[in-house]
């Protein structure tokens, strides 16, 4: 039996981003890999019960935890270094780092490795990070580039960054787009959707943004576009608040549109799906992303999308979304107007975008990962 191991820290701890990627991919791989493959998920602890249970254990899929690491520091040391001893003990032949990291010494141990790198925003835009964090992330990235046999980049944009900042030869990098579940493509009943509108007191007409409310995500641009949109169009932003949120809300006050900005945090999955269904247009003005999963979710929910140029968002949304400069609120407003209900070509843009994102659904991502495993 061939044994493949995975870094499952984010899988059992993170509810979005890296966690969603890890859970979706591992669950799909469990369906696609032959019965002769054993899958071991190495996590520093059990994490969250509801997240861990999304990838159920079976005869050939098991979680592995450190035997002695109890403190946070001990767990970090185990994940970065001590895990190699356990990999050798368990006769692991291939290790997949799902969140941009590999343990030190895995190459010297003779264990083949592949790592998924999602983005290098900390190098492309270090101004959004603590300098100490940048130094630490950079050291881990360069170490991972040396250790990895193959690297998966989740977009062409990320591939270019890996080559530029890591000096990695193109032949070692495989672009495999991030998988996206089909949950947002499913329908909710009108009653469930209306329940969410009443519960959250959402306006009748609104443009939606989903993502952490941080400076890089550039929500301020959407707020600056509001005065140029019809007065009955509101902006609903769903995501975790940061200090940047205060800046956005102060700008809304100054522009006289504070009553049209609605910031929602701590929203559950069912309510989020309903919010997508209630929105009229999706706006994603981020300055830089590794991929942009919320764009896919919006398209699956039959929303037209307006996003920004400068990173990988054109890859995520495809040619039938609209893209503007991250510093041009006037153009953003004009583009949003083209995507409001009743606009010419809106329906066609939605239909073509839904066809475009189908390549990210089902098991296509996992199938390509299996092909990479086989080549290795």
Protein backbone atom coordinates (compact mmCIF):
# COMPACT_ATOMS: atom_id res chain seq x y z
CA UNK A 1 0.00 0.00 0.00
CA UNK A 2 1.29 3.47 -0.96
CA UNK A 3 1.16 6.00 1.91
CA UNK A 4 0.62 9.70 1.22
CA UNK A 5 0.71 12.21 4.07
CA UNK A 6 -0.80 15.70 4.36
CA UNK A 7 -0.16 18.72 6.55
CA UNK A 8 -3.63 19.01 8.11
CA UNK A 9 -3.15 21.92 10.52
CA UNK A 10 -5.29 24.31 8.47
CA UNK A 11 -7.75 21.54 7.65
CA UNK A 12 -8.75 21.12 11.31
CA UNK A 13 -8.38 24.77 12.37
CA UNK A 14 -9.20 27.24 9.58
CA UNK A 15 -12.81 27.84 8.52
CA UNK A 16 -12.00 29.75 5.33
CA UNK A 17 -9.19 30.06 2.80
CA UNK A 18 -6.50 27.46 3.43
CA UNK A 19 -8.89 25.38 5.51
CA UNK A 20 -11.50 25.17 2.76
CA UNK A 21 -8.82 24.30 0.21
CA UNK A 22 -7.45 21.51 2.41
CA UNK A 23 -10.82 19.96 3.25
CA UNK A 24 -12.18 20.11 -0.30
CA UNK A 25 -9.05 18.68 -1.89
CA UNK A 26 -8.48 15.88 0.63
CA UNK A 27 -12.15 14.83 0.49
CA UNK A 28 -12.03 14.72 -3.32
CA UNK A 29 -8.73 12.82 -3.31
CA UNK A 30 -10.20 10.23 -0.96
CA UNK A 31 -12.78 9.50 -3.67
CA UNK A 32 -10.30 9.46 -6.56
CA UNK A 33 -7.18 7.73 -5.23
CA UNK A 34 -7.11 3.93 -5.73
CA UNK A 35 -7.84 1.69 -2.74
CA UNK A 36 -4.14 0.83 -2.65
CA UNK A 37 -3.39 4.35 -1.33
CA UNK A 38 -3.36 5.13 2.38
CA UNK A 39 -3.91 8.78 3.40
CA UNK A 40 -2.54 10.14 6.69
CA UNK A 41 -3.52 13.63 7.90
CA UNK A 42 -0.88 15.06 10.27
CA UNK A 43 -2.25 17.77 12.58
CA UNK A 44 -0.68 19.32 15.70
CA UNK A 45 -3.97 18.72 17.56
CA UNK A 46 -7.59 17.74 16.94
CA UNK A 47 -8.61 21.32 16.15
CA UNK A 48 -12.32 21.94 15.67
CA UNK A 49 -14.64 18.93 15.82
CA UNK A 50 -16.97 20.22 13.09
CA UNK A 51 -14.10 21.02 10.72
CA UNK A 52 -12.30 17.73 11.32
CA UNK A 53 -15.49 15.75 10.77
CA UNK A 54 -15.85 17.21 7.27
CA UNK A 55 -13.09 14.79 6.22
CA UNK A 56 -14.25 11.57 7.82
CA UNK A 57 -11.80 8.85 8.82
CA UNK A 58 -12.04 5.48 7.09
CA UNK A 59 -10.12 2.25 6.68
CA UNK A 60 -7.50 4.07 4.64
CA UNK A 61 -7.73 7.67 5.90
CA UNK A 62 -6.53 8.52 9.41
CA UNK A 63 -5.52 11.56 11.45
CA UNK A 64 -2.10 11.53 13.12
CA UNK A 65 -1.21 13.76 16.10
CA UNK A 66 2.11 14.30 17.92
CA UNK A 67 2.59 11.87 20.79
CA UNK A 68 4.15 14.32 23.26
CA UNK A 69 3.67 17.91 22.03
CA UNK A 70 1.27 19.69 24.38
CA UNK A 71 2.22 23.38 24.37
CA UNK A 72 1.81 25.66 21.38
CA UNK A 73 5.59 25.93 20.94
CA UNK A 74 6.04 22.15 21.08
CA UNK A 75 3.33 21.70 18.44
CA UNK A 76 5.00 24.27 16.17
CA UNK A 77 8.38 22.55 16.53
CA UNK A 78 6.79 19.17 15.75
CA UNK A 79 5.09 20.51 12.62
CA UNK A 80 8.23 22.23 11.33
CA UNK A 81 10.79 19.59 12.21
CA UNK A 82 9.77 16.70 14.49
CA UNK A 83 7.11 15.46 12.10
CA UNK A 84 9.79 14.00 9.78
CA UNK A 85 10.59 11.30 12.34
CA UNK A 86 6.89 10.33 12.41
CA UNK A 87 6.70 10.31 8.61
CA UNK A 88 9.60 7.85 8.48
CA UNK A 89 8.01 5.75 11.22
CA UNK A 90 4.77 5.55 9.21
CA UNK A 91 6.63 4.70 5.97
CA UNK A 92 5.27 7.75 4.15
CA UNK A 93 6.37 7.88 0.50
CA UNK A 94 4.93 11.29 -0.46
CA UNK A 95 4.14 14.34 1.68
CA UNK A 96 1.83 17.15 0.50
CA UNK A 97 2.10 20.50 2.27
CA UNK A 98 -1.34 22.00 1.69
CA UNK A 99 -0.62 25.49 3.02
CA UNK A 100 2.69 26.64 1.58
CA UNK A 101 5.03 24.93 4.06
CA UNK A 102 7.15 21.78 4.28
CA UNK A 103 8.93 20.37 7.34
CA UNK A 104 12.67 20.88 7.62
CA UNK A 105 14.69 17.85 6.58
CA UNK A 106 12.06 16.07 4.51
CA UNK A 107 14.33 15.95 1.46
CA UNK A 108 17.26 14.56 3.47
CA UNK A 109 14.91 11.91 4.85
CA UNK A 110 14.31 10.64 1.30
CA UNK A 111 10.58 11.45 1.34
CA UNK A 112 9.23 13.00 -1.85
CA UNK A 113 7.26 16.17 -1.35
CA UNK A 114 4.86 18.51 -3.10
CA UNK A 115 3.66 21.82 -1.67
CA UNK A 116 0.73 24.03 -2.61
CA UNK A 117 1.61 27.73 -2.53
CA UNK A 118 -1.45 29.95 -2.55
CA UNK A 119 0.08 33.42 -2.71
CA UNK A 120 3.17 35.48 -1.93
CA UNK A 121 1.36 38.66 -0.98
CA UNK A 122 3.74 39.15 1.96
CA UNK A 123 6.56 39.60 -0.57
CA UNK A 124 4.61 41.42 -3.29
CA UNK A 125 2.98 43.81 -0.78
CA UNK A 126 4.98 43.72 2.48
CA UNK A 127 3.38 47.01 3.53
CA UNK A 128 0.32 45.06 4.64
CA UNK A 129 2.30 42.94 7.12
CA UNK A 130 4.39 43.23 10.26
CA UNK A 131 8.09 43.31 9.20
CA UNK A 132 8.93 40.47 11.60
CA UNK A 133 6.17 38.33 10.07
CA UNK A 134 7.47 39.11 6.56
CA UNK A 135 10.95 37.96 7.53
CA UNK A 136 9.59 34.73 9.04
CA UNK A 137 7.28 33.99 6.10
CA UNK A 138 10.09 34.67 3.62
CA UNK A 139 12.47 32.30 5.41
CA UNK A 140 9.84 29.55 5.41
CA UNK A 141 9.09 30.16 1.73
CA UNK A 142 12.73 29.94 0.65
CA UNK A 143 13.24 26.80 2.75
CA UNK A 144 10.14 25.23 1.20
CA UNK A 145 11.40 26.02 -2.30
CA UNK A 146 14.63 24.13 -1.50
CA UNK A 147 12.87 21.15 0.08
CA UNK A 148 10.04 20.62 -2.43
CA UNK A 149 10.29 18.21 -5.33
CA UNK A 150 7.30 19.85 -7.00
CA UNK A 151 5.30 22.99 -6.30
CA UNK A 152 1.60 23.52 -7.02
CA UNK A 153 0.69 27.16 -7.72
CA UNK A 154 -3.03 27.91 -7.54
CA UNK A 155 -2.82 30.50 -10.33
CA UNK A 156 -0.52 31.71 -13.09
CA UNK A 157 -0.07 34.87 -11.03
CA UNK A 158 1.24 32.86 -8.07
CA UNK A 159 3.49 30.85 -10.39
CA UNK A 160 5.11 34.05 -11.66
CA UNK A 161 5.67 35.21 -8.08
CA UNK A 162 7.26 31.88 -7.08
CA UNK A 163 9.67 32.11 -10.00
CA UNK A 164 10.50 35.75 -9.27
CA UNK A 165 10.90 35.61 -5.49
CA UNK A 166 12.04 32.02 -5.05
CA UNK A 167 14.23 31.62 -8.12
CA UNK A 168 12.38 28.36 -8.86
CA UNK A 169 12.69 26.85 -12.32
CA UNK A 170 9.40 26.75 -14.21
CA UNK A 171 9.71 22.98 -14.73
CA UNK A 172 9.18 22.38 -10.98
CA UNK A 173 5.90 24.31 -10.84
CA UNK A 174 2.47 23.02 -11.79
CA UNK A 175 -0.48 25.41 -12.02
CA UNK A 176 -3.57 23.68 -10.62
CA UNK A 177 -6.41 26.03 -9.87
CA UNK A 178 -7.94 25.96 -6.42
CA UNK A 179 -10.97 23.72 -6.21
CA UNK A 180 -14.29 25.15 -5.20
CA UNK A 181 -17.24 23.20 -3.83
CA UNK A 182 -20.67 23.43 -5.45
CA UNK A 183 -22.56 24.52 -2.33
CA UNK A 184 -23.22 28.01 -3.65
CA UNK A 185 -24.55 26.60 -6.92
CA UNK A 186 -27.40 24.91 -5.05
CA UNK A 187 -30.75 26.61 -4.49
CA UNK A 188 -32.32 27.85 -1.28
CA UNK A 189 -36.06 28.18 -0.87
CA UNK A 190 -37.52 31.70 -1.19
CA UNK A 191 -38.66 31.37 2.42
CA UNK A 192 -35.11 30.65 3.64
CA UNK A 193 -33.74 33.59 1.65
CA UNK A 194 -36.37 35.99 2.97
CA UNK A 195 -35.72 34.75 6.51
CA UNK A 196 -32.11 35.92 6.20
CA UNK A 197 -33.17 39.30 4.79
CA UNK A 198 -35.46 39.90 7.75
CA UNK A 199 -33.02 38.49 10.30
CA UNK A 200 -30.16 40.73 9.15
CA UNK A 201 -32.38 43.64 8.07
CA UNK A 202 -30.83 43.74 4.62
CA UNK A 203 -31.85 46.42 2.09
CA UNK A 204 -33.92 45.57 -0.98
CA UNK A 205 -31.11 46.40 -3.43
CA UNK A 206 -27.43 45.99 -2.63
CA UNK A 207 -23.98 45.28 -4.02
CA UNK A 208 -22.16 42.54 -2.07
CA UNK A 209 -18.54 42.16 -0.97
CA UNK A 210 -17.23 39.11 0.92
CA UNK A 211 -13.81 38.85 2.57
CA UNK A 212 -11.79 39.97 5.57
CA UNK A 213 -12.20 43.71 6.03
CA UNK A 214 -8.50 44.59 5.70
CA UNK A 215 -6.65 47.24 3.73
CA UNK A 216 -5.45 44.93 0.96
CA UNK A 217 -9.06 44.00 0.16
CA UNK A 218 -9.64 47.67 -0.68
CA UNK A 219 -13.31 47.94 0.38
CA UNK A 220 -12.80 51.72 0.54
CA UNK A 221 -12.92 51.84 -3.27
CA UNK A 222 -16.44 50.38 -3.24
CA UNK A 223 -17.53 52.92 -0.62
CA UNK A 224 -16.11 55.75 -2.74
CA UNK A 225 -18.19 54.51 -5.68
CA UNK A 226 -21.48 54.60 -3.72
CA UNK A 227 -22.24 58.33 -4.24
CA UNK A 228 -22.09 57.70 -8.00
CA UNK A 229 -24.61 54.84 -7.86
CA UNK A 230 -28.41 55.12 -7.62
CA UNK A 231 -29.53 56.18 -4.14
CA UNK A 232 -31.37 52.92 -3.49
CA UNK A 233 -28.23 50.83 -4.06
CA UNK A 234 -26.53 49.84 -0.79
CA UNK A 235 -23.21 48.08 -0.11
CA UNK A 236 -23.17 44.98 2.12
CA UNK A 237 -19.71 43.82 3.26
CA UNK A 238 -19.45 40.41 4.92
CA UNK A 239 -16.23 39.55 6.72
CA UNK A 240 -14.09 39.75 9.82
CA UNK A 241 -13.54 43.29 11.09
CA UNK A 242 -10.05 44.80 11.43
CA UNK A 243 -8.79 48.31 12.21
CA UNK A 244 -9.24 49.09 8.51
CA UNK A 245 -13.00 48.76 8.97
CA UNK A 246 -13.02 51.94 11.05
CA UNK A 247 -11.30 53.79 8.21
CA UNK A 248 -13.94 52.57 5.75
CA UNK A 249 -16.84 53.56 8.01
CA UNK A 250 -15.37 57.04 8.61
CA UNK A 251 -15.05 57.51 4.84
CA UNK A 252 -18.69 56.49 4.40
CA UNK A 253 -19.69 59.11 6.99
CA UNK A 254 -17.66 61.80 5.22
CA UNK A 255 -19.17 60.89 1.83
CA UNK A 256 -22.69 60.93 3.24
CA UNK A 257 -23.37 57.25 2.50
CA UNK A 258 -23.02 55.73 5.99
CA UNK A 259 -26.68 54.69 5.92
CA UNK A 260 -25.98 52.70 2.72
CA UNK A 261 -23.01 50.72 4.12
CA UNK A 262 -23.79 47.53 6.06
CA UNK A 263 -20.90 45.62 7.66
CA UNK A 264 -21.70 42.06 8.79
CA UNK A 265 -19.37 39.76 10.74
CA UNK A 266 -19.79 36.28 12.18
CA UNK A 267 -22.17 35.17 9.42
CA UNK A 268 -22.89 31.44 9.16
CA UNK A 269 -22.72 29.46 5.92
CA UNK A 270 -26.48 29.22 5.36
CA UNK A 271 -26.98 32.94 5.88
CA UNK A 272 -24.01 33.71 3.62
CA UNK A 273 -25.54 31.63 0.83
CA UNK A 274 -28.81 33.50 1.25
CA UNK A 275 -27.00 36.85 1.17
CA UNK A 276 -25.41 35.89 -2.16
CA UNK A 277 -28.92 35.10 -3.44
CA UNK A 278 -30.27 38.45 -2.26
CA UNK A 279 -27.50 40.58 -3.79
CA UNK A 280 -27.73 42.28 -7.17
CA UNK A 281 -24.04 42.46 -8.05
CA UNK A 282 -20.78 41.26 -6.48
CA UNK A 283 -17.83 43.62 -6.12
CA UNK A 284 -14.30 42.50 -5.26
CA UNK A 285 -11.91 45.48 -5.34
CA UNK A 286 -8.91 43.66 -3.80
CA UNK A 287 -5.48 44.95 -4.76
CA UNK A 288 -3.87 41.52 -4.69
CA UNK A 289 -5.03 37.92 -4.29
CA UNK A 290 -3.65 34.45 -4.77
CA UNK A 291 -6.90 33.41 -6.39
CA UNK A 292 -10.20 34.91 -5.17
CA UNK A 293 -12.65 32.17 -4.17
CA UNK A 294 -15.46 34.65 -3.28
CA UNK A 295 -15.64 35.52 -6.97
CA UNK A 296 -16.34 31.87 -7.77
CA UNK A 297 -18.97 31.68 -5.03
CA UNK A 298 -20.67 34.79 -6.41
CA UNK A 299 -20.75 33.43 -9.96
CA UNK A 300 -22.14 30.13 -8.70
CA UNK A 301 -24.88 32.18 -7.04
CA UNK A 302 -25.73 33.74 -10.43
CA UNK A 303 -24.23 37.13 -9.60
CA UNK A 304 -22.37 39.31 -12.12
CA UNK A 305 -18.94 40.33 -10.84
CA UNK A 306 -16.88 43.52 -10.90
CA UNK A 307 -13.30 43.05 -9.67
CA UNK A 308 -9.92 44.77 -9.92
CA UNK A 309 -6.90 44.31 -12.12
CA UNK A 310 -3.36 43.71 -10.89
CA UNK A 311 -3.29 40.11 -9.69
CA UNK A 312 -5.13 36.90 -10.53
CA UNK A 313 -8.77 37.94 -10.39
CA UNK A 314 -9.18 37.77 -14.17
CA UNK A 315 -8.12 34.12 -13.92
CA UNK A 316 -10.72 33.43 -11.26
CA UNK A 317 -13.66 35.22 -12.84
CA UNK A 318 -13.00 34.84 -16.55
CA UNK A 319 -13.58 37.20 -19.48
CA UNK A 320 -17.24 38.03 -18.83
CA UNK A 321 -16.71 39.76 -15.51
CA UNK A 322 -15.66 43.42 -15.52
CA UNK A 323 -12.28 44.56 -14.16
CA UNK A 324 -11.18 48.06 -13.17
CA UNK A 325 -8.16 49.77 -11.61
CA UNK A 326 -8.04 49.43 -7.79
CA UNK A 327 -7.71 53.23 -7.61
CA UNK A 328 -10.59 54.31 -9.86
CA UNK A 329 -13.93 54.66 -8.00
CA UNK A 330 -15.58 56.35 -10.98
CA UNK A 331 -14.87 53.41 -13.27
CA UNK A 332 -15.95 50.99 -10.56
CA UNK A 333 -19.29 52.81 -10.30
CA UNK A 334 -19.76 52.73 -14.08
CA UNK A 335 -18.99 49.00 -14.16
CA UNK A 336 -21.38 48.25 -11.29
CA UNK A 337 -24.14 50.12 -13.15
CA UNK A 338 -23.57 47.78 -16.11
CA UNK A 339 -24.19 44.81 -13.80
CA UNK A 340 -27.35 45.98 -12.04
CA UNK A 341 -30.66 44.23 -12.74
CA UNK A 342 -32.18 45.30 -16.03
CA UNK A 343 -28.85 46.19 -17.63
CA UNK A 344 -28.26 45.08 -21.21
CA UNK A 345 -26.14 41.90 -21.42
CA UNK A 346 -26.28 41.15 -17.68
CA UNK A 347 -27.96 37.75 -18.09
CA UNK A 348 -25.53 36.69 -20.81
CA UNK A 349 -22.52 37.66 -18.67
CA UNK A 350 -23.85 35.58 -15.79
CA UNK A 351 -24.47 32.51 -17.97
CA UNK A 352 -21.04 32.67 -19.63
CA UNK A 353 -19.31 33.15 -16.27
CA UNK A 354 -21.09 30.13 -14.80
CA UNK A 355 -19.81 28.01 -17.68
CA UNK A 356 -16.29 29.40 -17.12
CA UNK A 357 -16.13 28.45 -13.43
CA UNK A 358 -17.35 24.90 -13.99
CA UNK A 359 -13.72 23.90 -14.54
CA UNK A 360 -13.15 24.62 -10.83
CA UNK A 361 -16.01 22.44 -9.66
CA UNK A 362 -16.36 18.69 -9.18
CA UNK A 363 -13.13 16.70 -9.03
CA UNK A 364 -11.07 18.27 -11.82
CA UNK A 365 -8.59 19.84 -9.39
CA UNK A 366 -8.19 16.57 -7.48
CA UNK A 367 -7.79 14.63 -10.73
CA UNK A 368 -4.88 16.84 -11.76
CA UNK A 369 -3.29 16.45 -8.32
CA UNK A 370 -3.55 12.65 -8.63
CA UNK A 371 -1.85 12.86 -12.04
CA UNK A 372 0.97 14.85 -10.42
CA UNK A 373 1.31 12.25 -7.64
CA UNK A 374 1.55 9.48 -10.23
CA UNK A 375 4.28 11.31 -12.16
CA UNK A 376 6.24 11.75 -8.94
